[in-house]
Structures are given as structure tokens and as C-alpha cells.
PDB file of N, CA and C in Angstrom:
ATOM      1  N   UNK A   1     -16.838   5.827  -3.490  1.00  0.00           N
ATOM      2  CA  UNK A   1     -15.994   4.997  -3.941  1.00  0.00           C
ATOM      3  C   UNK A   1     -15.717   3.272  -2.731  1.00  0.00           C
ATOM      4  N   UNK A   2     -15.580   2.721  -3.420  1.00  0.00           N
ATOM      5  CA  UNK A   2     -15.366   1.054  -2.937  1.00  0.00           C
ATOM      6  C   UNK A   2     -13.813   0.639  -3.166  1.00  0.00           C
ATOM      7  N   UNK A   3     -13.382  -0.116  -2.087  1.00  0.00           N
ATOM      8  CA  UNK A   3     -12.178  -0.863  -2.576  1.00  0.00           C
ATOM      9  C   UNK A   3     -11.671  -1.939  -3.227  1.00  0.00           C
ATOM     10  N   UNK A   4     -12.104  -1.723  -4.280  1.00  0.00           N
ATOM     11  CA  UNK A   4     -11.791  -2.563  -5.405  1.00  0.00           C
ATOM     12  C   UNK A   4     -10.139  -3.941  -5.412  1.00  0.00           C
ATOM     13  N   UNK A   5     -10.630  -4.885  -5.733  1.00  0.00           N
ATOM     14  CA  UNK A   5      -9.222  -5.307  -6.166  1.00  0.00           C
ATOM     15  C   UNK A   5      -8.204  -4.392  -7.133  1.00  0.00           C
ATOM     16  N   UNK A   6      -8.594  -4.427  -7.972  1.00  0.00           N
ATOM     17  CA  UNK A   6      -7.902  -3.394  -9.048  1.00  0.00           C
ATOM     18  C   UNK A   6      -6.845  -2.705  -8.218  1.00  0.00           C
ATOM     19  N   UNK A   7      -7.429  -1.683  -7.426  1.00  0.00           N
ATOM     20  CA  UNK A   7      -7.339  -0.280  -6.706  1.00  0.00           C
ATOM     21  C   UNK A   7      -6.212  -1.491  -5.865  1.00  0.00           C
ATOM     22  N   UNK A   8      -6.495  -2.299  -4.981  1.00  0.00           N
ATOM     23  CA  UNK A   8      -5.708  -2.868  -3.711  1.00  0.00           C
ATOM     24  C   UNK A   8      -4.209  -3.199  -4.658  1.00  0.00           C
ATOM     25  N   UNK A   9      -4.539  -3.777  -5.999  1.00  0.00           N
ATOM     26  CA  UNK A   9      -3.313  -4.301  -6.125  1.00  0.00           C
ATOM     27  C   UNK A   9      -2.139  -2.987  -7.020  1.00  0.00           C
ATOM     28  N   UNK A  10      -3.163  -1.896  -7.340  1.00  0.00           N
ATOM     29  CA  UNK A  10      -2.368  -0.689  -7.297  1.00  0.00           C
ATOM     30  C   UNK A  10      -1.494   0.112  -5.984  1.00  0.00           C
ATOM     31  N   UNK A  11      -2.268   0.140  -4.965  1.00  0.00           N
ATOM     32  CA  UNK A  11      -1.525   0.606  -3.769  1.00  0.00           C
ATOM     33  C   UNK A  11      -0.476  -0.352  -3.552  1.00  0.00           C
ATOM     34  N   UNK A  12      -0.649  -1.744  -3.514  1.00  0.00           N
ATOM     35  CA  UNK A  12       0.342  -2.907  -3.518  1.00  0.00           C
ATOM     36  C   UNK A  12       1.771  -2.328  -3.716  1.00  0.00           C
ATOM     37  N   UNK A  13       1.755  -2.223  -5.073  1.00  0.00           N
ATOM     38  CA  UNK A  13       2.628  -1.613  -6.289  1.00  0.00           C
ATOM     39  C   UNK A  13       3.139   0.329  -5.230  1.00  0.00           C
ATOM     40  N   UNK A  14       2.615   0.509  -5.187  1.00  0.00           N
ATOM     41  CA  UNK A  14       3.145   2.195  -5.073  1.00  0.00           C
ATOM     42  C   UNK A  14       3.615   1.762  -3.805  1.00  0.00           C
ATOM     43  N   UNK A  15       3.513   0.708  -2.946  1.00  0.00           N
ATOM     44  CA  UNK A  15       3.968   0.416  -1.644  1.00  0.00           C
ATOM     45  C   UNK A  15       5.893  -0.388  -1.461  1.00  0.00           C
ATOM     46  N   UNK A  16       5.814  -0.464  -3.331  1.00  0.00           N
ATOM     47  CA  UNK A  16       7.382  -1.077  -3.239  1.00  0.00           C
ATOM     48  C   UNK A  16       8.052  -0.151  -3.721  1.00  0.00           C
ATOM     49  N   UNK A  17       7.764   1.367  -3.780  1.00  0.00           N
ATOM     50  CA  UNK A  17       8.388   2.133  -4.451  1.00  0.00           C
ATOM     51  C   UNK A  17       9.488   2.901  -2.610  1.00  0.00           C
ATOM     52  N   UNK A  18      10.511   3.032  -2.803  1.00  0.00           N
ATOM     53  CA  UNK A  18      11.220   3.859  -1.528  1.00  0.00           C
ATOM     54  C   UNK A  18      11.357   5.097  -1.789  1.00  0.00           C
ATOM     55  N   UNK A  19      10.163   5.596  -1.105  1.00  0.00           N
ATOM     56  CA  UNK A  19      10.075   7.027  -0.514  1.00  0.00           C
ATOM     57  C   UNK A  19      11.596   7.966  -0.482  1.00  0.00           C
ATOM     58  N   UNK A  20      12.137   7.017  -0.135  1.00  0.00           N
ATOM     59  CA  UNK A  20      13.615   7.536   0.519  1.00  0.00           C
ATOM     60  C   UNK A  20      14.361   8.088  -0.768  1.00  0.00           C
ATOM     61  N   UNK A  21      14.520   7.911  -1.520  1.00  0.00           N
ATOM     62  CA  UNK A  21      15.116   8.034  -3.013  1.00  0.00           C
ATOM     63  C   UNK A  21      14.089   7.482  -4.236  1.00  0.00           C
ATOM     64  N   UNK A  22      13.977   8.621  -5.103  1.00  0.00           N
ATOM     65  CA  UNK A  22      12.944   8.966  -5.253  1.00  0.00           C
ATOM     66  C   UNK A  22      13.285   8.427  -6.865  1.00  0.00           C
ATOM     67  N   UNK A  23      14.714   8.464  -7.189  1.00  0.00           N
ATOM     68  CA  UNK A  23      15.728   7.701  -8.073  1.00  0.00           C
ATOM     69  C   UNK A  23      15.583   6.219  -8.182  1.00  0.00           C
ATOM     70  N   UNK A  24      15.138   5.732  -7.588  1.00  0.00           N
ATOM     71  CA  UNK A  24      15.183   4.393  -7.265  1.00  0.00           C
ATOM     72  C   UNK A  24      13.927   3.842  -8.073  1.00  0.00           C
ATOM     73  N   UNK A  25      13.950   3.599  -8.881  1.00  0.00           N
ATOM     74  CA  UNK A  25      12.576   2.777  -9.384  1.00  0.00           C
ATOM     75  C   UNK A  25      12.359   1.421  -8.891  1.00  0.00           C
ATOM     76  N   UNK A  26      11.355   0.414  -9.780  1.00  0.00           N
ATOM     77  CA  UNK A  26      11.057  -0.865 -10.018  1.00  0.00           C
ATOM     78  C   UNK A  26      10.797  -1.330 -10.952  1.00  0.00           C
ATOM     79  N   UNK A  27      11.017  -2.549 -11.235  1.00  0.00           N
ATOM     80  CA  UNK A  27      10.271  -3.204 -12.807  1.00  0.00           C
ATOM     81  C   UNK A  27       9.623  -4.280 -12.070  1.00  0.00           C
ATOM     82  N   UNK A  28       8.365  -4.577 -12.799  1.00  0.00           N
ATOM     83  CA  UNK A  28       7.419  -5.618 -12.930  1.00  0.00           C
ATOM     84  C   UNK A  28       7.563  -6.058 -13.854  1.00  0.00           C
ATOM     85  N   UNK A  29       8.283  -7.601 -14.015  1.00  0.00           N
ATOM     86  CA  UNK A  29       8.439  -8.339 -14.672  1.00  0.00           C
ATOM     87  C   UNK A  29       7.002  -8.586 -15.471  1.00  0.00           C
ATOM     88  N   UNK A  30       7.360  -9.054 -16.469  1.00  0.00           N
ATOM     89  CA  UNK A  30       6.582  -9.893 -17.376  1.00  0.00           C
ATOM     90  C   UNK A  30       5.749 -10.975 -16.762  1.00  0.00           C
ATOM     91  N   UNK A  31       6.622 -11.796 -16.301  1.00  0.00           N
ATOM     92  CA  UNK A  31       6.669 -13.207 -16.008  1.00  0.00           C
ATOM     93  C   UNK A  31       5.585 -12.889 -13.977  1.00  0.00           C
ATOM     94  N   UNK A  32       6.063 -11.921 -13.641  1.00  0.00           N
ATOM     95  CA  UNK A  32       5.445 -11.451 -12.316  1.00  0.00           C
ATOM     96  C   UNK A  32       3.592 -11.666 -12.329  1.00  0.00           C
ATOM     97  N   UNK A  33       3.147 -12.129 -10.962  1.00  0.00           N
ATOM     98  CA  UNK A  33       1.989 -11.866 -11.373  1.00  0.00           C
ATOM     99  C   UNK A  33       1.256 -11.099 -11.855  1.00  0.00           C
ATOM    100  N   UNK A  34       0.155 -11.710 -12.644  1.00  0.00           N
ATOM    101  CA  UNK A  34      -0.900 -11.313 -13.665  1.00  0.00           C
ATOM    102  C   UNK A  34      -1.750  -9.968 -13.053  1.00  0.00           C
ATOM    103  N   UNK A  35      -2.131  -9.823 -11.965  1.00  0.00           N
ATOM    104  CA  UNK A  35      -2.572  -8.379 -10.995  1.00  0.00           C
ATOM    105  C   UNK A  35      -1.811  -7.299 -11.042  1.00  0.00           C
ATOM    106  N   UNK A  36      -0.334  -8.084 -10.743  1.00  0.00           N
ATOM    107  CA  UNK A  36       0.543  -7.253 -11.145  1.00  0.00           C
ATOM    108  C   UNK A  36       0.722  -6.341 -11.767  1.00  0.00           C
ATOM    109  N   UNK A  37       1.338  -6.931 -12.620  1.00  0.00           N
ATOM    110  CA  UNK A  37       1.793  -6.691 -14.740  1.00  0.00           C
ATOM    111  C   UNK A  37       0.775  -5.461 -14.765  1.00  0.00           C
ATOM    112  N   UNK A  38      -0.794  -5.930 -14.263  1.00  0.00           N
ATOM    113  CA  UNK A  38      -1.955  -5.349 -14.798  1.00  0.00           C
ATOM    114  C   UNK A  38      -2.028  -3.826 -14.018  1.00  0.00           C
ATOM    115  N   UNK A  39      -1.760  -3.811 -12.782  1.00  0.00           N
ATOM    116  CA  UNK A  39      -1.962  -2.710 -11.974  1.00  0.00           C
ATOM    117  C   UNK A  39      -0.727  -1.841 -12.280  1.00  0.00           C
ATOM    118  N   UNK A  40      -0.251  -2.188 -12.715  1.00  0.00           N
ATOM    119  CA  UNK A  40       1.514  -1.483 -12.894  1.00  0.00           C
ATOM    120  C   UNK A  40       0.886  -0.518 -14.518  1.00  0.00           C
ATOM    121  N   UNK A  41       0.166  -1.310 -15.564  1.00  0.00           N
ATOM    122  CA  UNK A  41       0.036  -0.114 -16.535  1.00  0.00           C
ATOM    123  C   UNK A  41      -1.103   0.735 -16.273  1.00  0.00           C
ATOM    124  N   UNK A  42      -1.656   0.224 -15.061  1.00  0.00           N
ATOM    125  CA  UNK A  42      -2.488   1.154 -14.432  1.00  0.00           C
ATOM    126  C   UNK A  42      -2.380   2.097 -14.383  1.00  0.00           C
ATOM    127  N   UNK A  43      -1.108   1.946 -13.364  1.00  0.00           N
ATOM    128  CA  UNK A  43      -0.693   2.789 -12.809  1.00  0.00           C
ATOM    129  C   UNK A  43      -0.038   4.143 -13.717  1.00  0.00           C
ATOM    130  N   UNK A  44       0.586   3.378 -14.621  1.00  0.00           N
ATOM    131  CA  UNK A  44       1.181   4.009 -15.481  1.00  0.00           C
ATOM    132  C   UNK A  44      -0.025   5.114 -16.412  1.00  0.00           C
ATOM    133  N   UNK A  45      -0.679   4.301 -17.132  1.00  0.00           N
ATOM    134  CA  UNK A  45      -2.214   5.161 -17.799  1.00  0.00           C
ATOM    135  C   UNK A  45      -2.772   5.914 -16.849  1.00  0.00           C
ATOM    136  N   UNK A  46      -2.521   6.407 -15.491  1.00  0.00           N
ATOM    137  CA  UNK A  46      -3.333   7.595 -14.870  1.00  0.00           C
ATOM    138  C   UNK A  46      -1.938   8.613 -14.355  1.00  0.00           C
ATOM    139  N   UNK A  47      -1.029   8.052 -14.965  1.00  0.00           N
ATOM    140  CA  UNK A  47       0.159   9.432 -14.508  1.00  0.00           C
ATOM    141  C   UNK A  47       0.816   9.276 -13.358  1.00  0.00           C
ATOM    142  N   UNK A  48       1.208   8.118 -13.210  1.00  0.00           N
ATOM    143  CA  UNK A  48       1.705   7.800 -11.297  1.00  0.00           C
ATOM    144  C   UNK A  48       3.128   7.556 -11.415  1.00  0.00           C
ATOM    145  N   UNK A  49       3.191   6.517 -12.535  1.00  0.00           N
ATOM    146  CA  UNK A  49       4.716   6.189 -12.915  1.00  0.00           C
ATOM    147  C   UNK A  49       4.941   6.569 -14.435  1.00  0.00           C
ATOM    148  N   UNK A  50       6.250   6.235 -14.623  1.00  0.00           N
ATOM    149  CA  UNK A  50       6.782   6.654 -15.753  1.00  0.00           C
ATOM    150  C   UNK A  50       6.897   5.473 -16.759  1.00  0.00           C
ATOM    151  N   UNK A  51       6.864   4.669 -16.474  1.00  0.00           N
ATOM    152  CA  UNK A  51       6.715   3.751 -17.546  1.00  0.00           C
ATOM    153  C   UNK A  51       5.062   2.400 -16.990  1.00  0.00           C
ATOM    154  N   UNK A  52       5.227   1.693 -18.604  1.00  0.00           N
ATOM    155  CA  UNK A  52       4.454   0.477 -18.387  1.00  0.00           C
ATOM    156  C   UNK A  52       4.431  -0.474 -17.772  1.00  0.00           C
ATOM    157  N   UNK A  53       5.714  -0.286 -17.405  1.00  0.00           N
ATOM    158  CA  UNK A  53       6.136  -2.066 -16.388  1.00  0.00           C
ATOM    159  C   UNK A  53       7.164  -0.967 -15.434  1.00  0.00           C
ATOM    160  N   UNK A  54       6.892   0.347 -14.773  1.00  0.00           N
ATOM    161  CA  UNK A  54       7.275  -0.037 -13.303  1.00  0.00           C
ATOM    162  C   UNK A  54       8.105   1.366 -13.760  1.00  0.00           C
ATOM    163  N   UNK A  55       9.372   1.783 -13.649  1.00  0.00           N
ATOM    164  CA  UNK A  55      10.024   2.816 -13.593  1.00  0.00           C
ATOM    165  C   UNK A  55      10.012   3.724 -12.201  1.00  0.00           C
ATOM    166  N   UNK A  56       9.975   4.992 -12.330  1.00  0.00           N
ATOM    167  CA  UNK A  56       9.909   5.880 -11.681  1.00  0.00           C
ATOM    168  C   UNK A  56       8.532   6.097 -11.092  1.00  0.00           C
ATOM    169  N   UNK A  57       8.442   6.907 -10.198  1.00  0.00           N
ATOM    170  CA  UNK A  57       7.396   7.665  -9.894  1.00  0.00           C
ATOM    171  C   UNK A  57       7.212   9.244 -10.377  1.00  0.00           C
ATOM    172  N   UNK A  58       6.074   9.380 -10.851  1.00  0.00           N
ATOM    173  CA  UNK A  58       5.965  10.955 -10.775  1.00  0.00           C
ATOM    174  C   UNK A  58       5.969  11.533  -9.807  1.00  0.00           C
ATOM    175  N   UNK A  59       5.694  13.241 -10.322  1.00  0.00           N
ATOM    176  CA  UNK A  59       5.225  14.308  -9.063  1.00  0.00           C
ATOM    177  C   UNK A  59       3.891  13.606  -8.132  1.00  0.00           C
ATOM    178  N   UNK A  60       2.837  13.077  -9.119  1.00  0.00           N
ATOM    179  CA  UNK A  60       1.530  12.609  -8.563  1.00  0.00           C
ATOM    180  C   UNK A  60       2.043  11.176  -8.115  1.00  0.00           C
ATOM    181  N   UNK A  61       2.688  10.772  -8.633  1.00  0.00           N
ATOM    182  CA  UNK A  61       2.683   9.317  -8.046  1.00  0.00           C
ATOM    183  C   UNK A  61       3.434   9.222  -6.335  1.00  0.00           C
ATOM    184  N   UNK A  62       4.577  10.223  -6.403  1.00  0.00           N
ATOM    185  CA  UNK A  62       5.287  10.078  -5.143  1.00  0.00           C
ATOM    186  C   UNK A  62       4.581  10.994  -4.432  1.00  0.00           C
ATOM    187  N   UNK A  63       3.551  10.900  -4.253  1.00  0.00           N
ATOM    188  CA  UNK A  63       1.984  11.965  -3.333  1.00  0.00           C
ATOM    189  C   UNK A  63       1.126  10.758  -3.194  1.00  0.00           C
ATOM    190  N   UNK A  64       1.171   9.842  -4.001  1.00  0.00           N
ATOM    191  CA  UNK A  64       0.324   8.512  -3.955  1.00  0.00           C
ATOM    192  C   UNK A  64       0.592   8.278  -3.363  1.00  0.00           C
ATOM    193  N   UNK A  65       2.482   7.446  -3.463  1.00  0.00           N
ATOM    194  CA  UNK A  65       2.620   6.628  -3.104  1.00  0.00           C
ATOM    195  C   UNK A  65       2.812   6.935  -1.539  1.00  0.00           C
ATOM    196  N   UNK A  66       3.274   8.333  -1.151  1.00  0.00           N
ATOM    197  CA  UNK A  66       3.356   8.840   0.294  1.00  0.00           C
ATOM    198  C   UNK A  66       1.817   8.278   0.983  1.00  0.00           C
ATOM    199  N   UNK A  67       0.895   8.968   0.746  1.00  0.00           N
ATOM    200  CA  UNK A  67      -0.462   8.333   1.063  1.00  0.00           C
ATOM    201  C   UNK A  67      -0.276   7.349   1.198  1.00  0.00           C
ATOM    202  N   UNK A  68      -0.784   6.302   0.363  1.00  0.00           N
ATOM    203  CA  UNK A  68      -0.221   5.178   0.432  1.00  0.00           C
ATOM    204  C   UNK A  68       0.400   4.476   1.658  1.00  0.00           C
ATOM    205  N   UNK A  69       1.427   4.648   1.775  1.00  0.00           N
ATOM    206  CA  UNK A  69       2.389   4.387   2.559  1.00  0.00           C
ATOM    207  C   UNK A  69       1.967   5.092   4.105  1.00  0.00           C
ATOM    208  N   UNK A  70       1.801   5.856   4.028  1.00  0.00           N
ATOM    209  CA  UNK A  70       1.438   6.521   4.923  1.00  0.00           C
ATOM    210  C   UNK A  70       0.392   5.908   6.183  1.00  0.00           C
ATOM    211  N   UNK A  71      -0.725   4.918   5.063  1.00  0.00           N
ATOM    212  CA  UNK A  71      -1.207   4.409   5.743  1.00  0.00           C
ATOM    213  C   UNK A  71      -1.443   3.412   6.004  1.00  0.00           C
ATOM    214  N   UNK A  72      -0.401   2.481   5.522  1.00  0.00           N
ATOM    215  CA  UNK A  72      -0.544   1.398   6.254  1.00  0.00           C
ATOM    216  C   UNK A  72       0.793   0.951   7.392  1.00  0.00           C
ATOM    217  N   UNK A  73       1.801   2.241   7.481  1.00  0.00           N
ATOM    218  CA  UNK A  73       2.326   2.968   8.714  1.00  0.00           C
ATOM    219  C   UNK A  73       1.275   3.354   9.937  1.00  0.00           C
ATOM    220  N   UNK A  74      -0.025   3.594   9.577  1.00  0.00           N
ATOM    221  CA  UNK A  74      -0.587   3.956  10.950  1.00  0.00           C
ATOM    222  C   UNK A  74      -1.549   2.858  11.269  1.00  0.00           C
ATOM    223  N   UNK A  75      -1.729   2.256  10.714  1.00  0.00           N
ATOM    224  CA  UNK A  75      -2.869   1.041  10.467  1.00  0.00           C
ATOM    225  C   UNK A  75      -2.082  -0.141  11.004  1.00  0.00           C
ATOM    226  N   UNK A  76      -0.937  -0.701  10.853  1.00  0.00           N
ATOM    227  CA  UNK A  76       0.232  -1.528  11.639  1.00  0.00           C
ATOM    228  C   UNK A  76       0.485  -1.190  12.717  1.00  0.00           C
ATOM    229  N   UNK A  77      -0.124  -0.216  13.080  1.00  0.00           N
ATOM    230  CA  UNK A  77      -0.120  -0.203  14.916  1.00  0.00           C
ATOM    231  C   UNK A  77      -0.410  -1.202  15.627  1.00  0.00           C
TER     232      UNK A  77
END
């Protein structure tokens, strides 16, 4: 599997979620960067978030966001 621009955008969206409070969602407005809007829709289609414009992480989304944010913490040292 290669790291495509689409996957990078999806990871960026997952890193915006606050894992300390899973009841805290995000909203990606239609006027946002088009790549971010499309990434959010793909995450919804994959079942990682509750709405196509953000919302809350699903159980699978929480797991994915935890992994994504862990990788960033490790690599940011």
C-alpha cells in the first residue's frame, strides 16, 4: 500500500479529533479546502465518522485516529 495524497488528507482529518473527549466532534465546512471536504466524505463512506461533513468518530474511527495520532507523536520527536 502506498501513501497517496487522498490518504494523507484523511489522516490530517483524523488528527483534528480530540481523543481526550470523544464527545467532541468536528465540522468541515463546504467552504474549506476541497481536499479536506472530499477526505471527510471518504472517511464517512468508510464508516470512520458519523457524518459526511465531520461529526463524531465511530468506534472504528476512534481506533484509526488513535493510531494516526500515535504515529505523528512518535515521528515528531
